[in-house]
């Protein structure tokens, strides 16, 4: 009969450990950014093959977006591939801050394989929301030229995003 009290003590200790929130638990993580909390933007650059993307957290609390922006091109199949290659994950976006990405739509605008899209869709959270930009809104003419597009991960500065594609 002495075994029962000895076994009961470790069981109580385990129960207490499981009941106490651990650092890094879900309760300590910021929530996903809502569509209302962020502004997505895109603009052309002096380089005709490169666009700059951004997502700004307009809320008063930090939130998370996917660390890789999802970029699609009009009615074309597929999305821009991330550089470096990697899987989806979280990117912390502090209140009032902007994350930046660079998007190379085509390596050579004269490429005969180039496809044409009238718009691009940019999403910081592809399961929830995004924004569509027409080629005219981007200032690139009637169409965006696309062939083997790549995008950087979200970065804290535009310069860092541009360096990721060099």
Protein backbone atom coordinates (compact mmCIF):
# COMPACT_ATOMS: atom_id res chain seq x y z
CA UNK A 1 0.00 0.00 0.00
CA UNK A 2 2.94 2.39 0.20
CA UNK A 3 3.18 2.43 -3.58
CA UNK A 4 0.02 4.50 -4.07
CA UNK A 5 1.21 7.65 -2.26
CA UNK A 6 4.54 7.46 -4.08
CA UNK A 7 2.78 7.24 -7.46
CA UNK A 8 0.30 9.96 -6.55
CA UNK A 9 3.02 12.56 -5.97
CA UNK A 10 4.51 12.38 -9.50
CA UNK A 11 1.00 12.42 -10.98
CA UNK A 12 0.17 15.63 -9.11
CA UNK A 13 3.48 17.20 -10.20
CA UNK A 14 2.81 16.35 -13.86
CA UNK A 15 -0.72 17.76 -13.63
CA UNK A 16 0.61 21.01 -12.15
CA UNK A 17 3.26 21.33 -14.84
CA UNK A 18 0.69 20.85 -17.58
CA UNK A 19 -1.66 23.40 -16.04
CA UNK A 20 0.96 26.20 -15.86
CA UNK A 21 1.43 28.10 -19.17
CA UNK A 22 4.90 27.52 -20.57
CA UNK A 23 6.96 30.28 -22.20
CA UNK A 24 6.43 30.10 -25.93
CA UNK A 25 2.95 28.69 -25.49
CA UNK A 26 0.11 29.68 -27.81
CA UNK A 27 -1.15 32.16 -25.20
CA UNK A 28 2.07 34.19 -25.51
CA UNK A 29 2.04 34.34 -29.34
CA UNK A 30 0.54 37.32 -31.16
CA UNK A 31 -2.60 36.61 -33.17
CA UNK A 32 -2.70 36.47 -36.95
CA UNK A 33 -3.16 39.88 -38.55
CA UNK A 34 -6.71 40.59 -39.64
CA UNK A 35 -7.55 42.17 -42.97
CA UNK A 36 -8.65 45.35 -41.18
CA UNK A 37 -5.34 45.60 -39.30
CA UNK A 38 -3.03 45.69 -42.33
CA UNK A 39 -2.53 47.57 -45.57
CA UNK A 40 -0.96 45.75 -48.51
CA UNK A 41 0.91 47.81 -51.09
CA UNK A 42 2.89 47.23 -54.29
CA UNK A 43 4.78 49.58 -56.58
CA UNK A 44 7.10 49.50 -59.52
CA UNK A 45 10.78 50.32 -59.30
CA UNK A 46 13.30 51.81 -61.71
CA UNK A 47 14.17 48.21 -62.65
CA UNK A 48 11.45 47.00 -65.08
CA UNK A 49 11.79 43.44 -63.78
CA UNK A 50 11.28 44.30 -60.11
CA UNK A 51 8.31 45.34 -57.97
CA UNK A 52 8.35 46.35 -54.31
CA UNK A 53 5.74 44.88 -51.96
CA UNK A 54 4.80 45.85 -48.43
CA UNK A 55 2.43 45.06 -45.62
CA UNK A 56 1.85 47.61 -42.84
CA UNK A 57 0.33 46.78 -39.46
CA UNK A 58 -2.04 49.68 -38.72
CA UNK A 59 -3.25 48.20 -35.43
CA UNK A 60 -1.99 48.94 -31.92
CA UNK A 61 -0.85 45.34 -31.32
CA UNK A 62 1.73 43.09 -32.89
CA UNK A 63 0.33 40.40 -35.16
CA UNK A 64 1.68 37.80 -37.56
CA UNK A 65 1.52 37.24 -41.31
CA UNK A 66 2.96 34.39 -43.35
CA UNK A 67 6.72 34.90 -43.72
CA UNK A 68 6.47 34.41 -47.49
CA UNK A 69 4.17 36.74 -49.44
CA UNK A 70 1.90 34.89 -51.84
CA UNK A 71 1.94 36.54 -55.25
CA UNK A 72 -0.23 35.37 -58.15
CA UNK A 73 -0.54 36.78 -61.65
CA UNK A 74 -3.98 37.49 -63.09
CA UNK A 75 -5.48 34.33 -64.54
CA UNK A 76 -2.11 32.57 -64.96
CA UNK A 77 -1.46 29.36 -63.03
CA UNK A 78 1.01 29.30 -60.18
CA UNK A 79 2.60 31.77 -57.80
CA UNK A 80 5.99 33.42 -57.41
CA UNK A 81 8.53 31.10 -55.79
CA UNK A 82 10.21 32.19 -52.55
CA UNK A 83 13.91 33.05 -52.37
CA UNK A 84 15.37 31.42 -50.46
CA UNK A 85 13.27 28.31 -50.93
CA UNK A 86 11.37 27.48 -47.78
CA UNK A 87 8.12 26.59 -46.17
CA UNK A 88 5.38 28.74 -44.82
CA UNK A 89 5.88 30.12 -41.32
CA UNK A 90 5.06 33.16 -39.22
CA UNK A 91 6.53 36.66 -39.50
CA UNK A 92 5.98 39.01 -36.56
CA UNK A 93 4.74 42.43 -37.61
CA UNK A 94 4.96 44.92 -34.75
CA UNK A 95 2.27 47.59 -34.34
CA UNK A 96 2.78 50.46 -36.76
CA UNK A 97 5.59 48.69 -38.65
CA UNK A 98 5.94 47.67 -42.29
CA UNK A 99 7.47 44.49 -43.72
CA UNK A 100 8.95 44.59 -47.22
CA UNK A 101 9.44 42.10 -50.04
CA UNK A 102 10.92 42.27 -53.52
CA UNK A 103 9.27 40.58 -56.50
CA UNK A 104 11.14 39.76 -59.71
CA UNK A 105 8.45 39.07 -62.31
CA UNK A 106 10.82 38.22 -65.17
CA UNK A 107 14.60 38.05 -65.59
CA UNK A 108 14.61 39.49 -69.13
CA UNK A 109 11.70 41.60 -70.44
CA UNK A 110 12.65 40.58 -74.01
CA UNK A 111 12.23 36.87 -73.19
CA UNK A 112 9.99 35.31 -75.89
CA UNK A 113 8.56 32.92 -73.25
CA UNK A 114 7.11 35.85 -71.27
CA UNK A 115 3.47 35.59 -70.25
CA UNK A 116 1.27 38.60 -69.71
CA UNK A 117 -0.98 39.31 -66.76
CA UNK A 118 -3.30 42.27 -66.36
CA UNK A 119 -2.93 42.17 -62.57
CA UNK A 120 -1.08 40.68 -59.64
CA UNK A 121 -2.52 39.49 -56.35
CA UNK A 122 -0.47 39.98 -53.18
CA UNK A 123 -1.37 38.26 -49.93
CA UNK A 124 0.42 38.38 -46.58
CA UNK A 125 -1.90 35.57 -45.42
CA UNK A 126 -3.11 33.48 -48.36
CA UNK A 127 -5.70 31.61 -46.31
CA UNK A 128 -7.49 34.81 -45.33
CA UNK A 129 -7.03 37.92 -47.50
CA UNK A 130 -4.99 39.80 -50.06
CA UNK A 131 -5.17 42.64 -52.56
CA UNK A 132 -5.19 42.79 -56.35
CA UNK A 133 -3.21 45.46 -58.22
CA UNK A 134 -3.80 46.09 -61.93
CA UNK A 135 -0.82 46.65 -64.19
CA UNK A 136 -1.97 50.24 -64.61
CA UNK A 137 -2.11 50.76 -60.81
CA UNK A 138 1.46 49.50 -60.64
CA UNK A 139 2.49 51.91 -63.40
CA UNK A 140 3.91 49.19 -65.64
CA UNK A 141 1.57 49.69 -68.63
CA UNK A 142 -1.28 47.41 -69.69
CA UNK A 143 0.31 44.12 -68.57
CA UNK A 144 2.86 42.69 -66.17
CA UNK A 145 5.43 40.52 -67.96
CA UNK A 146 5.87 37.22 -66.13
CA UNK A 147 8.27 34.30 -66.51
CA UNK A 148 9.59 32.24 -63.58
CA UNK A 149 8.76 34.91 -60.96
CA UNK A 150 10.43 34.92 -57.53
CA UNK A 151 9.77 36.81 -54.32
CA UNK A 152 11.83 37.45 -51.23
CA UNK A 153 10.49 36.65 -47.78
CA UNK A 154 9.15 39.60 -45.77
CA UNK A 155 12.07 41.67 -44.48
CA UNK A 156 12.38 44.63 -42.06
CA UNK A 157 13.63 46.96 -44.85
CA UNK A 158 13.23 47.30 -48.60
CA UNK A 159 17.01 47.17 -49.02
CA UNK A 160 17.13 43.80 -47.24
CA UNK A 161 14.34 42.49 -49.48
CA UNK A 162 16.15 43.67 -52.61
CA UNK A 163 19.42 42.03 -51.46
CA UNK A 164 17.60 38.71 -51.07
CA UNK A 165 16.99 38.60 -54.84
CA UNK A 166 20.52 39.53 -55.94
